[in-house]
Amino acid sequence: MISAKRTQAVLITVLLLLLNGCGEPQEPAVNQINHLAQDSQEIDKALESLTNHEQEDMRLYHAILSQGKEKNSNITGFLDQAETHIQARRAILEQIEQASQKADEQTKSLQQSLLKLSFEKEETLSRAGEALKQYESRNQTLQMFVEAYGLGLDAEEQVYGLMRGRTETDLKEIKLAIQKRNVLYGKLTGIQEKFNTLTQTFNSTQEQLIN
């Protein structure tokens, strides 16, 4: 006959095994999606910083093209400033790329985490899954943005290099470089619009999940 103390010890052992089998405490789906959104604030701040740089860069770009028409004008100061801004934007772009890679890892981890939730309603899990897919699409578009922006910066840098030696450079070559720069930044606008739309869609789904 098993004693009461032994029975109690067996029950405690079984309970511990069950708890260990369950792993770490499960976090509600809404909290997990909210963490993802909060972590993306780093990306939002970097994008805002990039936009702030662009305003000054456009002023410099137009000044260089305008004054550069006169071969005797001195645009070296403008070119130096513009190239400094390009390096600053490259640094910000690198931050965005790193944050995007981190977000990619988080979404993959979150996919597995949502699958393990056992206490959520089916409707909640469905909406959380929808929000996650939207965030993944947003992050994929952000990666497209980083790549396209880098190409735009390369093209802009080429324009400035040609403008430095404009007295010895074929005008046609400069025009082609400017055209290439404009085409690349034109494509970038479409990617930005898609990113903004996906952000709004994700925010809307997240709000529905909270409410």
N, C-alpha and C. Protein backbone atom coordinates (compact mmCIF):
# COMPACT_ATOMS: atom_id res chain seq x y z
N MET A 1 0.85 -1.20 0.00
CA MET A 1 0.00 0.00 0.00
C MET A 1 0.89 1.25 0.00
N ILE A 2 0.59 2.19 -0.93
CA ILE A 2 1.38 3.41 -1.06
C ILE A 2 0.97 4.42 -0.01
N SER A 3 1.94 4.99 0.67
CA SER A 3 1.63 5.97 1.72
C SER A 3 1.16 7.28 1.10
N ALA A 4 0.51 8.13 1.95
CA ALA A 4 -0.01 9.42 1.48
C ALA A 4 1.13 10.32 1.02
N LYS A 5 2.27 10.30 1.75
CA LYS A 5 3.40 11.15 1.39
C LYS A 5 3.98 10.75 0.03
N ARG A 6 4.05 9.40 -0.17
CA ARG A 6 4.59 8.91 -1.44
C ARG A 6 3.67 9.28 -2.59
N THR A 7 2.35 9.15 -2.34
CA THR A 7 1.37 9.51 -3.36
C THR A 7 1.51 10.98 -3.74
N GLN A 8 1.69 11.84 -2.73
CA GLN A 8 1.84 13.26 -2.96
C GLN A 8 3.10 13.54 -3.78
N ALA A 9 4.18 12.83 -3.47
CA ALA A 9 5.43 13.02 -4.19
C ALA A 9 5.28 12.62 -5.66
N VAL A 10 4.56 11.53 -5.91
CA VAL A 10 4.32 11.07 -7.28
C VAL A 10 3.53 12.10 -8.06
N LEU A 11 2.49 12.67 -7.42
CA LEU A 11 1.65 13.68 -8.07
C LEU A 11 2.44 14.93 -8.42
N ILE A 12 3.32 15.35 -7.51
CA ILE A 12 4.15 16.53 -7.74
C ILE A 12 5.09 16.27 -8.93
N THR A 13 5.65 15.05 -8.97
CA THR A 13 6.57 14.70 -10.06
C THR A 13 5.85 14.72 -11.41
N VAL A 14 4.63 14.17 -11.45
CA VAL A 14 3.83 14.16 -12.68
C VAL A 14 3.50 15.58 -13.12
N LEU A 15 3.14 16.42 -12.15
CA LEU A 15 2.79 17.81 -12.45
C LEU A 15 3.98 18.55 -13.04
N LEU A 16 5.16 18.32 -12.48
CA LEU A 16 6.37 18.97 -12.99
C LEU A 16 6.68 18.52 -14.41
N LEU A 17 6.49 17.24 -14.66
CA LEU A 17 6.73 16.72 -16.01
C LEU A 17 5.78 17.35 -17.02
N LEU A 18 4.52 17.52 -16.62
CA LEU A 18 3.53 18.14 -17.50
C LEU A 18 3.88 19.59 -17.79
N LEU A 19 4.32 20.28 -16.74
CA LEU A 19 4.69 21.69 -16.91
C LEU A 19 5.90 21.83 -17.82
N ASN A 20 6.87 20.94 -17.64
CA ASN A 20 8.07 20.99 -18.48
C ASN A 20 7.74 20.65 -19.93
N GLY A 21 6.77 19.77 -20.09
CA GLY A 21 6.36 19.40 -21.44
C GLY A 21 5.69 20.56 -22.16
N CYS A 22 5.04 21.42 -21.39
CA CYS A 22 4.35 22.57 -22.00
C CYS A 22 5.34 23.66 -22.39
N GLY A 23 6.55 23.64 -21.85
CA GLY A 23 7.53 24.67 -22.16
C GLY A 23 7.22 25.96 -21.42
N GLU A 24 7.69 27.07 -22.01
CA GLU A 24 7.49 28.37 -21.37
C GLU A 24 6.03 28.79 -21.42
N PRO A 25 5.61 29.69 -20.51
CA PRO A 25 4.23 30.16 -20.52
C PRO A 25 3.86 30.77 -21.87
N GLN A 26 2.68 30.47 -22.35
CA GLN A 26 2.24 30.99 -23.65
C GLN A 26 1.76 32.43 -23.51
N GLU A 27 2.15 33.26 -24.46
CA GLU A 27 1.77 34.66 -24.46
C GLU A 27 0.61 34.87 -25.43
N PRO A 28 -0.40 35.65 -25.04
CA PRO A 28 -1.54 35.89 -25.93
C PRO A 28 -1.11 36.39 -27.30
N ALA A 29 -1.86 36.04 -28.33
CA ALA A 29 -1.51 36.39 -29.71
C ALA A 29 -1.42 37.90 -29.90
N VAL A 30 -2.35 38.63 -29.28
CA VAL A 30 -2.37 40.09 -29.44
C VAL A 30 -1.07 40.70 -28.91
N ASN A 31 -0.57 40.17 -27.80
CA ASN A 31 0.68 40.68 -27.23
C ASN A 31 1.86 40.42 -28.17
N GLN A 32 1.87 39.25 -28.77
CA GLN A 32 2.97 38.89 -29.67
C GLN A 32 2.98 39.80 -30.90
N ILE A 33 1.82 40.10 -31.44
CA ILE A 33 1.72 41.01 -32.59
C ILE A 33 2.11 42.43 -32.18
N ASN A 34 1.71 42.81 -30.98
CA ASN A 34 2.06 44.15 -30.49
C ASN A 34 3.57 44.31 -30.32
N HIS A 35 4.24 43.26 -29.85
CA HIS A 35 5.70 43.30 -29.71
C HIS A 35 6.36 43.54 -31.07
N LEU A 36 5.80 42.87 -32.08
CA LEU A 36 6.33 43.00 -33.44
C LEU A 36 6.20 44.45 -33.93
N ALA A 37 5.03 45.03 -33.66
CA ALA A 37 4.78 46.42 -34.07
C ALA A 37 5.69 47.40 -33.32
N GLN A 38 5.89 47.14 -32.04
CA GLN A 38 6.74 48.02 -31.24
C GLN A 38 8.20 47.96 -31.71
N ASP A 39 8.65 46.76 -32.04
CA ASP A 39 10.03 46.60 -32.51
C ASP A 39 10.25 47.31 -33.85
N SER A 40 9.18 47.45 -34.64
CA SER A 40 9.31 48.09 -35.95
C SER A 40 9.46 49.60 -35.85
N GLN A 41 9.30 50.14 -34.64
CA GLN A 41 9.47 51.59 -34.46
C GLN A 41 10.89 52.04 -34.80
N GLU A 42 11.85 51.15 -34.62
CA GLU A 42 13.24 51.44 -34.99
C GLU A 42 13.33 51.71 -36.50
N ILE A 43 12.61 50.92 -37.27
CA ILE A 43 12.58 51.10 -38.72
C ILE A 43 11.90 52.42 -39.08
N ASP A 44 10.78 52.70 -38.42
CA ASP A 44 10.03 53.92 -38.70
C ASP A 44 10.87 55.17 -38.43
N LYS A 45 11.63 55.16 -37.34
CA LYS A 45 12.49 56.30 -37.00
C LYS A 45 13.59 56.48 -38.04
N ALA A 46 14.17 55.38 -38.49
CA ALA A 46 15.23 55.44 -39.50
C ALA A 46 14.68 55.96 -40.83
N LEU A 47 13.48 55.54 -41.19
CA LEU A 47 12.85 56.03 -42.42
C LEU A 47 12.56 57.53 -42.34
N GLU A 48 12.13 57.96 -41.17
CA GLU A 48 11.87 59.38 -40.95
C GLU A 48 13.17 60.18 -41.08
N SER A 49 14.25 59.66 -40.52
CA SER A 49 15.55 60.31 -40.62
C SER A 49 16.00 60.39 -42.07
N LEU A 50 15.74 59.34 -42.83
CA LEU A 50 16.08 59.30 -44.24
C LEU A 50 15.33 60.39 -45.01
N THR A 51 14.06 60.54 -44.69
CA THR A 51 13.23 61.57 -45.33
C THR A 51 13.75 62.97 -45.02
N ASN A 52 14.18 63.20 -43.80
CA ASN A 52 14.72 64.51 -43.41
C ASN A 52 15.97 64.84 -44.21
N HIS A 53 16.83 63.85 -44.42
CA HIS A 53 18.04 64.05 -45.23
C HIS A 53 17.68 64.36 -46.68
N GLU A 54 16.66 63.72 -47.19
CA GLU A 54 16.28 63.87 -48.59
C GLU A 54 15.88 65.31 -48.93
N GLN A 55 15.25 65.99 -47.99
CA GLN A 55 14.83 67.36 -48.25
C GLN A 55 16.02 68.26 -48.55
N GLU A 56 17.08 68.14 -47.76
CA GLU A 56 18.30 68.92 -47.99
C GLU A 56 19.03 68.43 -49.24
N ASP A 57 19.00 67.11 -49.46
CA ASP A 57 19.68 66.54 -50.62
C ASP A 57 19.07 67.03 -51.93
N MET A 58 17.76 67.16 -51.97
CA MET A 58 17.09 67.65 -53.18
C MET A 58 17.49 69.09 -53.46
N ARG A 59 17.64 69.89 -52.41
CA ARG A 59 18.07 71.28 -52.59
C ARG A 59 19.47 71.32 -53.19
N LEU A 60 20.35 70.48 -52.67
CA LEU A 60 21.72 70.42 -53.18
C LEU A 60 21.74 69.90 -54.61
N TYR A 61 20.94 68.89 -54.89
CA TYR A 61 20.90 68.28 -56.22
C TYR A 61 20.50 69.32 -57.27
N HIS A 62 19.45 70.07 -56.99
CA HIS A 62 18.98 71.08 -57.94
C HIS A 62 19.98 72.22 -58.08
N ALA A 63 20.64 72.58 -56.99
CA ALA A 63 21.65 73.64 -57.03
C ALA A 63 22.84 73.21 -57.90
N ILE A 64 23.23 71.95 -57.76
CA ILE A 64 24.36 71.43 -58.54
C ILE A 64 24.03 71.40 -60.04
N LEU A 65 22.83 70.94 -60.37
CA LEU A 65 22.44 70.87 -61.78
C LEU A 65 22.26 72.27 -62.38
N SER A 66 21.69 73.16 -61.57
CA SER A 66 21.44 74.53 -62.06
C SER A 66 22.75 75.28 -62.30
N GLN A 67 23.61 75.32 -61.28
CA GLN A 67 24.86 76.06 -61.40
C GLN A 67 25.88 75.32 -62.25
N GLY A 68 25.70 74.01 -62.34
CA GLY A 68 26.64 73.21 -63.13
C GLY A 68 26.52 73.43 -64.62
N LYS A 69 25.44 74.07 -65.05
CA LYS A 69 25.27 74.38 -66.47
C LYS A 69 26.35 75.36 -66.94
N GLU A 70 26.79 76.19 -66.02
CA GLU A 70 27.86 77.13 -66.32
C GLU A 70 29.19 76.46 -66.00
N LYS A 71 29.98 76.16 -66.98
CA LYS A 71 31.22 75.41 -66.78
C LYS A 71 32.23 76.14 -65.91
N ASN A 72 32.11 77.46 -65.84
CA ASN A 72 33.07 78.23 -65.05
C ASN A 72 32.64 78.39 -63.59
N SER A 73 31.41 77.96 -63.26
CA SER A 73 30.92 78.12 -61.89
C SER A 73 31.58 77.09 -60.97
N ASN A 74 31.76 77.46 -59.72
CA ASN A 74 32.41 76.58 -58.74
C ASN A 74 31.32 75.87 -57.91
N ILE A 75 31.17 74.58 -58.17
CA ILE A 75 30.14 73.81 -57.45
C ILE A 75 30.77 72.79 -56.51
N THR A 76 32.06 72.91 -56.30
CA THR A 76 32.78 71.94 -55.45
C THR A 76 32.18 71.84 -54.06
N GLY A 77 31.84 73.01 -53.47
CA GLY A 77 31.27 73.01 -52.12
C GLY A 77 29.96 72.26 -52.07
N PHE A 78 29.10 72.47 -53.07
CA PHE A 78 27.82 71.76 -53.15
C PHE A 78 28.04 70.25 -53.29
N LEU A 79 29.01 69.89 -54.15
CA LEU A 79 29.29 68.47 -54.37
C LEU A 79 29.81 67.80 -53.11
N ASP A 80 30.67 68.50 -52.38
CA ASP A 80 31.19 67.95 -51.12
C ASP A 80 30.06 67.70 -50.13
N GLN A 81 29.15 68.68 -50.02
CA GLN A 81 28.00 68.54 -49.10
C GLN A 81 27.12 67.37 -49.53
N ALA A 82 26.86 67.29 -50.83
CA ALA A 82 25.97 66.24 -51.36
C ALA A 82 26.55 64.85 -51.08
N GLU A 83 27.85 64.70 -51.28
CA GLU A 83 28.48 63.40 -51.07
C GLU A 83 28.52 63.03 -49.59
N THR A 84 28.64 64.04 -48.73
CA THR A 84 28.56 63.79 -47.29
C THR A 84 27.18 63.28 -46.91
N HIS A 85 26.16 63.87 -47.54
CA HIS A 85 24.77 63.45 -47.28
C HIS A 85 24.53 62.03 -47.80
N ILE A 86 25.14 61.69 -48.91
CA ILE A 86 24.99 60.34 -49.45
C ILE A 86 25.55 59.31 -48.47
N GLN A 87 26.69 59.60 -47.90
CA GLN A 87 27.28 58.68 -46.91
C GLN A 87 26.39 58.55 -45.68
N ALA A 88 25.77 59.67 -45.28
CA ALA A 88 24.86 59.63 -44.13
C ALA A 88 23.64 58.78 -44.45
N ARG A 89 23.13 58.91 -45.65
CA ARG A 89 21.96 58.11 -46.05
C ARG A 89 22.32 56.64 -46.17
N ARG A 90 23.53 56.35 -46.62
CA ARG A 90 23.97 54.95 -46.71
C ARG A 90 24.01 54.32 -45.31
N ALA A 91 24.48 55.10 -44.34
CA ALA A 91 24.55 54.61 -42.96
C ALA A 91 23.16 54.32 -42.42
N ILE A 92 22.21 55.21 -42.70
CA ILE A 92 20.82 55.01 -42.26
C ILE A 92 20.22 53.80 -42.95
N LEU A 93 20.52 53.66 -44.25
CA LEU A 93 20.00 52.54 -45.03
C LEU A 93 20.51 51.21 -44.47
N GLU A 94 21.74 51.21 -44.01
CA GLU A 94 22.31 50.01 -43.41
C GLU A 94 21.58 49.65 -42.11
N GLN A 95 21.23 50.67 -41.32
CA GLN A 95 20.46 50.45 -40.09
C GLN A 95 19.11 49.82 -40.42
N ILE A 96 18.47 50.34 -41.46
CA ILE A 96 17.15 49.83 -41.88
C ILE A 96 17.27 48.38 -42.33
N GLU A 97 18.33 48.09 -43.08
CA GLU A 97 18.53 46.72 -43.56
C GLU A 97 18.72 45.74 -42.40
N GLN A 98 19.51 46.14 -41.42
CA GLN A 98 19.74 45.29 -40.25
C GLN A 98 18.45 45.08 -39.46
N ALA A 99 17.67 46.15 -39.30
CA ALA A 99 16.39 46.06 -38.58
C ALA A 99 15.41 45.18 -39.35
N SER A 100 15.47 45.25 -40.67
CA SER A 100 14.59 44.44 -41.51
C SER A 100 14.94 42.96 -41.38
N GLN A 101 16.22 42.65 -41.33
CA GLN A 101 16.66 41.26 -41.15
C GLN A 101 16.21 40.72 -39.79
N LYS A 102 16.30 41.58 -38.78
CA LYS A 102 15.85 41.20 -37.44
C LYS A 102 14.34 40.93 -37.45
N ALA A 103 13.59 41.78 -38.14
CA ALA A 103 12.13 41.60 -38.24
C ALA A 103 11.80 40.30 -38.96
N ASP A 104 12.60 39.94 -39.95
CA ASP A 104 12.39 38.70 -40.69
C ASP A 104 12.53 37.49 -39.76
N GLU A 105 13.52 37.53 -38.90
CA GLU A 105 13.73 36.46 -37.92
C GLU A 105 12.57 36.40 -36.93
N GLN A 106 12.10 37.59 -36.53
CA GLN A 106 11.00 37.65 -35.55
C GLN A 106 9.71 37.06 -36.12
N THR A 107 9.42 37.35 -37.38
CA THR A 107 8.18 36.85 -37.98
C THR A 107 8.21 35.33 -38.11
N LYS A 108 9.39 34.78 -38.43
CA LYS A 108 9.51 33.31 -38.53
C LYS A 108 9.31 32.67 -37.16
N SER A 109 9.87 33.29 -36.13
CA SER A 109 9.72 32.78 -34.77
C SER A 109 8.26 32.89 -34.32
N LEU A 110 7.62 33.98 -34.70
CA LEU A 110 6.24 34.22 -34.30
C LEU A 110 5.28 33.24 -34.97
N GLN A 111 5.60 32.84 -36.20
CA GLN A 111 4.78 31.85 -36.89
C GLN A 111 4.68 30.57 -36.07
N GLN A 112 5.82 30.11 -35.58
CA GLN A 112 5.87 28.89 -34.77
C GLN A 112 5.17 29.09 -33.43
N SER A 113 5.34 30.28 -32.86
CA SER A 113 4.75 30.57 -31.55
C SER A 113 3.22 30.57 -31.62
N LEU A 114 2.68 31.15 -32.68
CA LEU A 114 1.21 31.21 -32.82
C LEU A 114 0.62 29.82 -33.00
N LEU A 115 1.37 28.95 -33.68
CA LEU A 115 0.89 27.59 -33.90
C LEU A 115 0.75 26.80 -32.60
N LYS A 116 1.56 27.19 -31.61
CA LYS A 116 1.57 26.47 -30.33
C LYS A 116 0.51 26.95 -29.35
N LEU A 117 -0.15 28.07 -29.66
CA LEU A 117 -1.15 28.61 -28.73
C LEU A 117 -2.34 27.67 -28.65
N SER A 118 -2.72 27.32 -27.44
CA SER A 118 -3.80 26.35 -27.25
C SER A 118 -5.04 26.95 -26.60
N PHE A 119 -4.93 28.21 -26.14
CA PHE A 119 -6.06 28.77 -25.39
C PHE A 119 -6.80 29.88 -26.14
N GLU A 120 -6.27 30.28 -27.32
CA GLU A 120 -6.88 31.37 -28.06
C GLU A 120 -8.09 30.91 -28.86
N LYS A 121 -9.04 31.83 -29.08
CA LYS A 121 -10.18 31.54 -29.95
C LYS A 121 -9.68 31.43 -31.39
N GLU A 122 -10.40 30.67 -32.19
CA GLU A 122 -10.00 30.48 -33.59
C GLU A 122 -10.00 31.81 -34.34
N GLU A 123 -10.97 32.67 -34.03
CA GLU A 123 -11.07 33.98 -34.69
C GLU A 123 -9.83 34.84 -34.38
N THR A 124 -9.40 34.81 -33.12
CA THR A 124 -8.22 35.59 -32.70
C THR A 124 -6.97 35.09 -33.39
N LEU A 125 -6.80 33.78 -33.44
CA LEU A 125 -5.63 33.20 -34.10
C LEU A 125 -5.62 33.51 -35.59
N SER A 126 -6.81 33.48 -36.20
CA SER A 126 -6.93 33.77 -37.63
C SER A 126 -6.51 35.21 -37.92
N ARG A 127 -6.99 36.13 -37.07
CA ARG A 127 -6.66 37.55 -37.27
C ARG A 127 -5.18 37.82 -36.99
N ALA A 128 -4.64 37.15 -36.00
CA ALA A 128 -3.22 37.30 -35.69
C ALA A 128 -2.37 36.78 -36.85
N GLY A 129 -2.80 35.65 -37.42
CA GLY A 129 -2.10 35.10 -38.58
C GLY A 129 -2.16 36.03 -39.77
N GLU A 130 -3.31 36.67 -39.94
CA GLU A 130 -3.49 37.64 -41.03
C GLU A 130 -2.55 38.84 -40.84
N ALA A 131 -2.48 39.33 -39.59
CA ALA A 131 -1.60 40.46 -39.28
C ALA A 131 -0.15 40.09 -39.54
N LEU A 132 0.22 38.87 -39.20
CA LEU A 132 1.59 38.42 -39.39
C LEU A 132 1.95 38.37 -40.88
N LYS A 133 1.03 37.87 -41.71
CA LYS A 133 1.27 37.81 -43.16
C LYS A 133 1.42 39.22 -43.73
N GLN A 134 0.60 40.14 -43.25
CA GLN A 134 0.68 41.52 -43.71
C GLN A 134 2.01 42.15 -43.33
N TYR A 135 2.47 41.83 -42.12
CA TYR A 135 3.75 42.38 -41.67
C TYR A 135 4.90 41.78 -42.48
N GLU A 136 4.78 40.50 -42.81
CA GLU A 136 5.81 39.86 -43.64
C GLU A 136 5.89 40.52 -45.01
N SER A 137 4.73 40.79 -45.61
CA SER A 137 4.69 41.46 -46.91
C SER A 137 5.29 42.85 -46.82
N ARG A 138 4.99 43.53 -45.71
CA ARG A 138 5.54 44.88 -45.47
C ARG A 138 7.06 44.81 -45.38
N ASN A 139 7.57 43.81 -44.68
CA ASN A 139 9.01 43.69 -44.49
C ASN A 139 9.71 43.30 -45.79
N GLN A 140 9.07 42.46 -46.60
CA GLN A 140 9.63 42.10 -47.90
C GLN A 140 9.71 43.32 -48.81
N THR A 141 8.69 44.16 -48.73
CA THR A 141 8.68 45.40 -49.52
C THR A 141 9.76 46.36 -49.02
N LEU A 142 9.99 46.36 -47.72
CA LEU A 142 11.04 47.19 -47.15
C LEU A 142 12.41 46.74 -47.66
N GLN A 143 12.61 45.44 -47.79
CA GLN A 143 13.87 44.93 -48.32
C GLN A 143 14.06 45.33 -49.78
N MET A 144 12.96 45.36 -50.53
CA MET A 144 13.00 45.85 -51.92
C MET A 144 13.36 47.33 -51.93
N PHE A 145 12.82 48.07 -50.98
CA PHE A 145 13.10 49.50 -50.85
C PHE A 145 14.59 49.74 -50.59
N VAL A 146 15.16 48.96 -49.68
CA VAL A 146 16.59 49.11 -49.33
C VAL A 146 17.46 48.87 -50.57
N GLU A 147 17.15 47.82 -51.32
CA GLU A 147 17.93 47.50 -52.51
C GLU A 147 17.81 48.59 -53.56
N ALA A 148 16.57 49.04 -53.81
CA ALA A 148 16.33 50.07 -54.82
C ALA A 148 16.95 51.40 -54.42
N TYR A 149 16.87 51.72 -53.15
CA TYR A 149 17.43 52.99 -52.66
C TYR A 149 18.95 52.98 -52.82
N GLY A 150 19.57 51.84 -52.54
CA GLY A 150 21.01 51.73 -52.70
C GLY A 150 21.43 51.97 -54.15
N LEU A 151 20.66 51.44 -55.10
CA LEU A 151 20.93 51.66 -56.53
C LEU A 151 20.76 53.14 -56.88
N GLY A 152 19.75 53.77 -56.28
CA GLY A 152 19.52 55.19 -56.51
C GLY A 152 20.69 56.03 -56.02
N LEU A 153 21.22 55.69 -54.87
CA LEU A 153 22.37 56.41 -54.32
C LEU A 153 23.61 56.22 -55.20
N ASP A 154 23.77 55.00 -55.72
CA ASP A 154 24.89 54.73 -56.63
C ASP A 154 24.80 55.62 -57.86
N ALA A 155 23.59 55.72 -58.42
CA ALA A 155 23.38 56.52 -59.62
C ALA A 155 23.59 58.01 -59.33
N GLU A 156 23.14 58.44 -58.17
CA GLU A 156 23.31 59.85 -57.80
C GLU A 156 24.79 60.18 -57.60
N GLU A 157 25.51 59.24 -57.01
CA GLU A 157 26.94 59.42 -56.80
C GLU A 157 27.68 59.52 -58.14
N GLN A 158 27.19 58.74 -59.12
CA GLN A 158 27.79 58.79 -60.45
C GLN A 158 27.59 60.16 -61.09
N VAL A 159 26.39 60.71 -60.91
CA VAL A 159 26.10 62.05 -61.44
C VAL A 159 27.07 63.07 -60.86
N TYR A 160 27.26 63.03 -59.55
CA TYR A 160 28.14 64.00 -58.89
C TYR A 160 29.59 63.83 -59.34
N GLY A 161 29.99 62.58 -59.56
CA GLY A 161 31.35 62.33 -60.03
C GLY A 161 31.57 62.94 -61.41
N LEU A 162 30.58 62.80 -62.29
CA LEU A 162 30.68 63.38 -63.62
C LEU A 162 30.63 64.91 -63.58
N MET A 163 29.85 65.43 -62.64
CA MET A 163 29.75 66.89 -62.52
C MET A 163 31.06 67.50 -62.04
N ARG A 164 31.83 66.76 -61.26
CA ARG A 164 33.13 67.26 -60.80
C ARG A 164 34.07 67.49 -61.99
N GLY A 165 33.98 66.59 -62.95
CA GLY A 165 34.86 66.74 -64.11
C GLY A 165 34.09 67.17 -65.35
N ARG A 166 33.05 67.98 -65.14
CA ARG A 166 32.15 68.33 -66.24
C ARG A 166 32.82 69.08 -67.38
N THR A 167 33.91 69.79 -67.09
CA THR A 167 34.59 70.54 -68.15
C THR A 167 35.26 69.60 -69.15
N GLU A 168 35.50 68.35 -68.71
CA GLU A 168 36.18 67.38 -69.59
C GLU A 168 35.27 66.21 -69.94
N THR A 169 34.03 66.25 -69.46
CA THR A 169 33.10 65.13 -69.67
C THR A 169 32.09 65.47 -70.76
N ASP A 170 31.78 64.48 -71.57
CA ASP A 170 30.78 64.66 -72.61
C ASP A 170 29.43 64.96 -71.97
N LEU A 171 28.78 66.03 -72.40
CA LEU A 171 27.48 66.44 -71.83
C LEU A 171 26.44 65.32 -71.95
N LYS A 172 26.52 64.55 -73.02
CA LYS A 172 25.57 63.45 -73.24
C LYS A 172 25.70 62.41 -72.14
N GLU A 173 26.92 62.16 -71.70
CA GLU A 173 27.17 61.18 -70.63
C GLU A 173 26.55 61.64 -69.32
N ILE A 174 26.65 62.93 -69.06
CA ILE A 174 26.05 63.50 -67.84
C ILE A 174 24.53 63.38 -67.89
N LYS A 175 23.95 63.69 -69.06
CA LYS A 175 22.49 63.61 -69.21
C LYS A 175 21.98 62.18 -69.02
N LEU A 176 22.73 61.21 -69.55
CA LEU A 176 22.33 59.80 -69.41
C LEU A 176 22.39 59.37 -67.94
N ALA A 177 23.42 59.86 -67.23
CA ALA A 177 23.55 59.53 -65.80
C ALA A 177 22.40 60.12 -65.00
N ILE A 178 22.01 61.36 -65.34
CA ILE A 178 20.88 62.03 -64.67
C ILE A 178 19.59 61.27 -64.96
N GLN A 179 19.43 60.86 -66.22
CA GLN A 179 18.24 60.10 -66.60
C GLN A 179 18.14 58.79 -65.84
N LYS A 180 19.28 58.09 -65.71
CA LYS A 180 19.31 56.83 -64.97
C LYS A 180 18.94 57.05 -63.51
N ARG A 181 19.48 58.11 -62.93
CA ARG A 181 19.19 58.45 -61.53
C ARG A 181 17.70 58.71 -61.34
N ASN A 182 17.10 59.45 -62.26
CA ASN A 182 15.68 59.80 -62.15
C ASN A 182 14.78 58.57 -62.31
N VAL A 183 15.15 57.67 -63.21
CA VAL A 183 14.36 56.44 -63.42
C VAL A 183 14.38 55.57 -62.16
N LEU A 184 15.56 55.42 -61.56
CA LEU A 184 15.69 54.59 -60.36
C LEU A 184 14.90 55.17 -59.19
N TYR A 185 14.95 56.47 -59.00
CA TYR A 185 14.19 57.09 -57.92
C TYR A 185 12.70 57.07 -58.22
N GLY A 186 12.36 57.08 -59.51
CA GLY A 186 10.94 56.96 -59.89
C GLY A 186 10.37 55.61 -59.48
N LYS A 187 11.16 54.54 -59.68
CA LYS A 187 10.74 53.20 -59.26
C LYS A 187 10.63 53.12 -57.74
N LEU A 188 11.51 53.83 -57.08
CA LEU A 188 11.52 53.84 -55.61
C LEU A 188 10.21 54.40 -55.05
N THR A 189 9.65 55.38 -55.75
CA THR A 189 8.40 56.00 -55.30
C THR A 189 7.27 54.97 -55.25
N GLY A 190 7.22 54.09 -56.26
CA GLY A 190 6.19 53.05 -56.28
C GLY A 190 6.34 52.07 -55.13
N ILE A 191 7.58 51.73 -54.80
CA ILE A 191 7.84 50.81 -53.68
C ILE A 191 7.44 51.46 -52.36
N GLN A 192 7.74 52.76 -52.22
CA GLN A 192 7.37 53.49 -51.00
C GLN A 192 5.85 53.51 -50.81
N GLU A 193 5.14 53.72 -51.90
CA GLU A 193 3.67 53.76 -51.83
C GLU A 193 3.12 52.40 -51.40
N LYS A 194 3.69 51.33 -51.95
CA LYS A 194 3.26 49.97 -51.58
C LYS A 194 3.55 49.71 -50.10
N PHE A 195 4.73 50.14 -49.64
CA PHE A 195 5.12 49.96 -48.24
C PHE A 195 4.15 50.70 -47.32
N ASN A 196 3.80 51.93 -47.67
CA ASN A 196 2.88 52.72 -46.85
C ASN A 196 1.49 52.08 -46.79
N THR A 197 1.04 51.54 -47.92
CA THR A 197 -0.26 50.87 -47.97
C THR A 197 -0.28 49.63 -47.08
N LEU A 198 0.79 48.84 -47.17
CA LEU A 198 0.89 47.63 -46.34
C LEU A 198 0.98 47.97 -44.86
N THR A 199 1.64 49.08 -44.55
CA THR A 199 1.73 49.53 -43.16
C THR A 199 0.35 49.88 -42.62
N GLN A 200 -0.42 50.60 -43.42
CA GLN A 200 -1.78 50.99 -43.02
C GLN A 200 -2.66 49.75 -42.83
N THR A 201 -2.52 48.79 -43.73
CA THR A 201 -3.31 47.55 -43.64
C THR A 201 -2.97 46.77 -42.37
N PHE A 202 -1.67 46.66 -42.08
CA PHE A 202 -1.23 45.96 -40.87
C PHE A 202 -1.75 46.67 -39.63
N ASN A 203 -1.63 47.99 -39.60
CA ASN A 203 -2.09 48.77 -38.44
C ASN A 203 -3.59 48.58 -38.21
N SER A 204 -4.34 48.51 -39.29
CA SER A 204 -5.79 48.31 -39.18
C SER A 204 -6.12 46.94 -38.60
N THR A 205 -5.42 45.90 -39.08
CA THR A 205 -5.66 44.54 -38.57
C THR A 205 -5.23 44.43 -37.12
N GLN A 206 -4.12 45.07 -36.78
CA GLN A 206 -3.64 45.06 -35.39
C GLN A 206 -4.67 45.72 -34.48
N GLU A 207 -5.25 46.83 -34.93
CA GLU A 207 -6.27 47.53 -34.13
C GLU A 207 -7.49 46.65 -33.91
N GLN A 208 -7.90 45.92 -34.96
CA GLN A 208 -9.03 45.01 -34.84
C GLN A 208 -8.72 43.90 -33.83
N LEU A 209 -7.48 43.45 -33.84
CA LEU A 209 -7.06 42.39 -32.93
C LEU A 209 -7.11 42.85 -31.48
N ILE A 210 -6.72 44.10 -31.25
CA ILE A 210 -6.74 44.67 -29.91
C ILE A 210 -8.17 44.83 -29.40
N ASN A 211 -9.03 45.27 -30.29
CA ASN A 211 -10.43 45.53 -29.91
C ASN A 211 -11.26 44.25 -29.97
